[in-house]
N, C-alpha and C. Protein backbone atom coordinates (compact mmCIF):
# COMPACT_ATOMS: atom_id res chain seq x y z
N UNK A 1 -2.22 27.84 -3.02
CA UNK A 1 -1.40 26.64 -3.12
C UNK A 1 -2.30 25.42 -3.32
N UNK A 2 -1.87 24.51 -4.16
CA UNK A 2 -2.66 23.29 -4.40
C UNK A 2 -2.66 22.37 -3.18
N UNK A 3 -3.72 21.62 -3.06
CA UNK A 3 -3.86 20.65 -1.98
C UNK A 3 -3.55 19.26 -2.55
N UNK A 4 -2.73 18.50 -1.82
CA UNK A 4 -2.35 17.17 -2.25
C UNK A 4 -2.61 16.17 -1.14
N UNK A 5 -2.83 14.92 -1.54
CA UNK A 5 -3.05 13.83 -0.60
C UNK A 5 -1.87 12.87 -0.71
N UNK A 6 -1.27 12.54 0.43
CA UNK A 6 -0.16 11.61 0.47
C UNK A 6 -0.50 10.46 1.41
N UNK A 7 0.05 9.27 1.13
CA UNK A 7 -0.15 8.12 2.00
C UNK A 7 1.21 7.49 2.28
N UNK A 8 1.42 7.13 3.55
CA UNK A 8 2.66 6.48 3.95
C UNK A 8 2.62 5.01 3.51
N UNK A 9 3.70 4.56 2.90
CA UNK A 9 3.75 3.17 2.44
C UNK A 9 4.01 2.19 3.58
N UNK A 10 4.40 2.71 4.75
CA UNK A 10 4.62 1.82 5.91
C UNK A 10 3.38 1.72 6.78
N UNK A 11 2.93 2.84 7.31
CA UNK A 11 1.80 2.80 8.26
C UNK A 11 0.46 3.12 7.62
N UNK A 12 0.45 3.48 6.33
CA UNK A 12 -0.75 3.80 5.55
C UNK A 12 -1.50 5.03 6.04
N UNK A 13 -0.82 5.88 6.79
CA UNK A 13 -1.39 7.15 7.23
C UNK A 13 -1.64 8.03 6.01
N UNK A 14 -2.82 8.65 5.92
CA UNK A 14 -3.15 9.56 4.82
C UNK A 14 -3.10 10.97 5.36
N UNK A 15 -2.43 11.83 4.60
CA UNK A 15 -2.25 13.20 5.05
C UNK A 15 -2.58 14.14 3.88
N UNK A 16 -3.37 15.17 4.16
CA UNK A 16 -3.69 16.18 3.16
C UNK A 16 -2.90 17.43 3.50
N UNK A 17 -2.14 17.92 2.51
CA UNK A 17 -1.28 19.08 2.75
C UNK A 17 -1.39 20.07 1.60
N UNK A 18 -1.10 21.33 1.89
CA UNK A 18 -1.03 22.37 0.88
C UNK A 18 0.44 22.60 0.58
N UNK A 19 0.82 22.39 -0.68
CA UNK A 19 2.21 22.53 -1.10
C UNK A 19 2.29 23.29 -2.41
N UNK A 20 3.44 23.90 -2.64
CA UNK A 20 3.71 24.46 -3.95
C UNK A 20 3.92 23.31 -4.91
N UNK A 21 3.78 23.57 -6.19
CA UNK A 21 3.96 22.52 -7.18
C UNK A 21 5.37 21.94 -7.11
N UNK A 22 6.34 22.75 -6.80
CA UNK A 22 7.73 22.29 -6.75
C UNK A 22 8.06 21.53 -5.47
N UNK A 23 7.18 21.57 -4.46
CA UNK A 23 7.44 20.89 -3.20
C UNK A 23 6.84 19.49 -3.19
N UNK A 24 7.31 18.68 -2.26
CA UNK A 24 6.77 17.34 -2.07
C UNK A 24 6.87 16.95 -0.61
N UNK A 25 6.09 15.98 -0.22
CA UNK A 25 6.13 15.46 1.15
C UNK A 25 6.79 14.10 1.11
N UNK A 26 7.85 13.90 1.87
CA UNK A 26 8.60 12.65 1.80
C UNK A 26 8.54 11.84 3.08
N UNK A 27 8.53 12.50 4.24
CA UNK A 27 8.63 11.81 5.51
C UNK A 27 7.29 11.78 6.24
N UNK A 28 6.97 10.64 6.84
CA UNK A 28 5.72 10.46 7.57
C UNK A 28 5.86 11.02 8.98
N UNK A 29 4.91 11.86 9.37
CA UNK A 29 4.93 12.45 10.71
C UNK A 29 4.41 11.48 11.77
N UNK A 30 3.63 10.48 11.36
CA UNK A 30 3.04 9.55 12.31
C UNK A 30 4.04 8.48 12.75
N UNK A 31 4.66 7.80 11.78
CA UNK A 31 5.59 6.72 12.13
C UNK A 31 7.05 7.16 12.03
N UNK A 32 7.28 8.42 11.67
CA UNK A 32 8.63 9.01 11.57
C UNK A 32 9.54 8.28 10.58
N UNK A 33 8.98 7.63 9.59
CA UNK A 33 9.80 6.97 8.57
C UNK A 33 10.13 7.97 7.47
N UNK A 34 11.26 7.77 6.84
CA UNK A 34 11.75 8.69 5.82
C UNK A 34 11.48 8.14 4.42
N UNK A 35 11.15 9.05 3.51
CA UNK A 35 10.92 8.73 2.08
C UNK A 35 9.86 7.65 1.87
N UNK A 36 8.77 7.72 2.61
CA UNK A 36 7.72 6.71 2.49
C UNK A 36 6.39 7.28 2.01
N UNK A 37 6.30 8.59 1.82
CA UNK A 37 5.03 9.20 1.43
C UNK A 37 4.85 9.13 -0.09
N UNK A 38 3.67 8.64 -0.51
CA UNK A 38 3.33 8.49 -1.92
C UNK A 38 2.12 9.37 -2.21
N UNK A 39 2.19 10.12 -3.30
CA UNK A 39 1.08 11.00 -3.66
C UNK A 39 -0.09 10.16 -4.16
N UNK A 40 -1.28 10.44 -3.64
CA UNK A 40 -2.51 9.77 -4.05
C UNK A 40 -3.21 10.71 -5.01
N UNK A 41 -3.58 10.19 -6.19
CA UNK A 41 -4.13 11.07 -7.22
C UNK A 41 -5.64 11.16 -7.21
N UNK A 42 -6.36 10.07 -6.98
CA UNK A 42 -7.82 10.16 -6.99
C UNK A 42 -8.44 8.91 -6.42
N UNK A 43 -9.78 8.93 -6.36
CA UNK A 43 -10.52 7.83 -5.74
C UNK A 43 -10.56 6.58 -6.58
N UNK A 44 -10.26 6.64 -7.86
CA UNK A 44 -10.45 5.47 -8.70
C UNK A 44 -9.30 4.47 -8.63
N UNK A 45 -8.36 4.65 -7.71
CA UNK A 45 -7.37 3.61 -7.46
C UNK A 45 -8.02 2.50 -6.67
N UNK A 46 -7.73 1.25 -7.02
CA UNK A 46 -8.28 0.16 -6.23
C UNK A 46 -7.32 -0.17 -5.09
N UNK A 47 -7.87 -0.55 -3.96
CA UNK A 47 -7.04 -0.85 -2.80
C UNK A 47 -6.30 -2.18 -2.96
N UNK A 48 -6.77 -3.04 -3.84
CA UNK A 48 -6.15 -4.34 -4.00
C UNK A 48 -4.82 -4.26 -4.75
N UNK A 49 -4.60 -3.18 -5.49
CA UNK A 49 -3.37 -3.02 -6.25
C UNK A 49 -2.59 -1.86 -5.66
N UNK A 50 -1.32 -2.06 -5.45
CA UNK A 50 -0.46 -1.03 -4.90
C UNK A 50 -0.42 0.17 -5.83
N UNK A 51 -0.39 1.36 -5.27
CA UNK A 51 -0.36 2.57 -6.06
C UNK A 51 0.95 2.69 -6.83
N UNK A 52 2.01 2.06 -6.35
CA UNK A 52 3.28 2.07 -7.06
C UNK A 52 3.19 1.22 -8.31
N UNK A 53 2.36 0.17 -8.30
CA UNK A 53 2.27 -0.77 -9.40
C UNK A 53 1.47 -0.23 -10.58
N UNK A 54 0.53 0.68 -10.32
CA UNK A 54 -0.32 1.19 -11.40
C UNK A 54 0.20 2.52 -11.90
N UNK A 55 0.15 2.70 -13.20
CA UNK A 55 0.51 3.98 -13.78
C UNK A 55 -0.76 4.79 -13.95
N UNK A 56 -0.64 6.08 -13.75
CA UNK A 56 -1.81 6.96 -13.79
C UNK A 56 -2.50 6.89 -15.15
N UNK A 57 -1.75 6.84 -16.24
CA UNK A 57 -2.34 6.77 -17.57
C UNK A 57 -3.23 5.56 -17.74
N UNK A 58 -2.78 4.40 -17.24
CA UNK A 58 -3.57 3.17 -17.36
C UNK A 58 -4.85 3.25 -16.55
N UNK A 59 -4.76 3.80 -15.36
CA UNK A 59 -5.94 3.94 -14.51
C UNK A 59 -6.93 4.89 -15.15
N UNK A 60 -6.44 5.97 -15.71
CA UNK A 60 -7.30 6.95 -16.37
C UNK A 60 -8.00 6.33 -17.57
N UNK A 61 -7.27 5.56 -18.37
CA UNK A 61 -7.88 4.89 -19.52
C UNK A 61 -8.99 3.94 -19.09
N UNK A 62 -8.74 3.16 -18.04
CA UNK A 62 -9.77 2.24 -17.53
C UNK A 62 -11.01 3.00 -17.09
N UNK A 63 -10.80 4.09 -16.38
CA UNK A 63 -11.90 4.91 -15.87
C UNK A 63 -12.73 5.47 -17.03
N UNK A 64 -12.05 5.96 -18.07
CA UNK A 64 -12.73 6.52 -19.23
C UNK A 64 -13.53 5.44 -19.95
N UNK A 65 -12.94 4.25 -20.13
CA UNK A 65 -13.64 3.16 -20.82
C UNK A 65 -14.90 2.73 -20.07
N UNK A 66 -14.80 2.62 -18.74
CA UNK A 66 -15.96 2.24 -17.94
C UNK A 66 -17.08 3.27 -18.10
N UNK A 67 -16.72 4.54 -18.06
CA UNK A 67 -17.73 5.59 -18.20
C UNK A 67 -18.27 5.68 -19.62
N UNK A 68 -17.44 5.36 -20.61
CA UNK A 68 -17.90 5.35 -22.01
C UNK A 68 -18.97 4.27 -22.20
N UNK A 69 -18.74 3.09 -21.61
CA UNK A 69 -19.72 2.00 -21.70
C UNK A 69 -21.03 2.40 -21.03
N UNK A 70 -20.93 3.02 -19.88
CA UNK A 70 -22.13 3.47 -19.16
C UNK A 70 -22.89 4.51 -19.98
N UNK A 71 -22.17 5.43 -20.59
CA UNK A 71 -22.80 6.46 -21.41
C UNK A 71 -23.52 5.85 -22.62
N UNK A 72 -22.89 4.89 -23.26
CA UNK A 72 -23.53 4.22 -24.40
C UNK A 72 -24.81 3.50 -23.98
N UNK A 73 -24.80 2.87 -22.82
CA UNK A 73 -26.01 2.21 -22.30
C UNK A 73 -27.12 3.24 -22.08
N UNK A 74 -26.77 4.37 -21.48
CA UNK A 74 -27.76 5.40 -21.21
C UNK A 74 -28.32 5.98 -22.51
N UNK A 75 -27.48 6.12 -23.54
CA UNK A 75 -27.95 6.62 -24.83
C UNK A 75 -28.97 5.65 -25.44
N UNK A 76 -28.67 4.34 -25.37
CA UNK A 76 -29.59 3.35 -25.91
C UNK A 76 -30.93 3.38 -25.18
N UNK A 77 -30.88 3.49 -23.85
CA UNK A 77 -32.11 3.54 -23.06
C UNK A 77 -32.92 4.80 -23.41
N UNK A 78 -32.23 5.92 -23.55
CA UNK A 78 -32.92 7.18 -23.86
C UNK A 78 -33.55 7.15 -25.24
N UNK A 79 -32.86 6.53 -26.21
CA UNK A 79 -33.41 6.51 -27.57
C UNK A 79 -34.59 5.55 -27.68
N UNK A 80 -34.68 4.55 -26.81
CA UNK A 80 -35.78 3.59 -26.88
C UNK A 80 -36.99 4.06 -26.06
N UNK A 81 -36.84 5.09 -25.29
CA UNK A 81 -37.93 5.59 -24.46
C UNK A 81 -38.77 6.58 -25.27
N UNK A 82 -40.08 6.43 -25.18
CA UNK A 82 -40.98 7.34 -25.85
C UNK A 82 -41.37 8.46 -24.88
N UNK A 83 -41.27 9.68 -25.38
CA UNK A 83 -41.58 10.84 -24.56
C UNK A 83 -42.89 11.44 -25.00
N UNK A 84 -43.66 11.93 -24.04
CA UNK A 84 -44.94 12.57 -24.31
C UNK A 84 -44.70 14.05 -24.52
N UNK A 85 -44.88 14.55 -25.74
CA UNK A 85 -44.68 15.98 -25.98
C UNK A 85 -45.76 16.80 -25.27
N UNK A 86 -45.35 17.80 -24.60
CA UNK A 86 -46.31 18.65 -23.86
C UNK A 86 -46.35 20.03 -24.42
């Protein structure tokens, strides 16, 4: 069974659970609130923006662009470096 991370929108409790793909976690066990659990997808969400406000596709695109820029920088550095053949 896949492992998923959920966070309560009221008390911000984070819970890791094993669920079937067809299942979901809706109620928080800590504050006993109903329908407040939100699935957390990965670490690249910023805490300053609500997870409800960001769409996964947009976050993924931003992540890819940042890494693409970093990769291009590393390519430039590698091509300008002289290597001693051994």
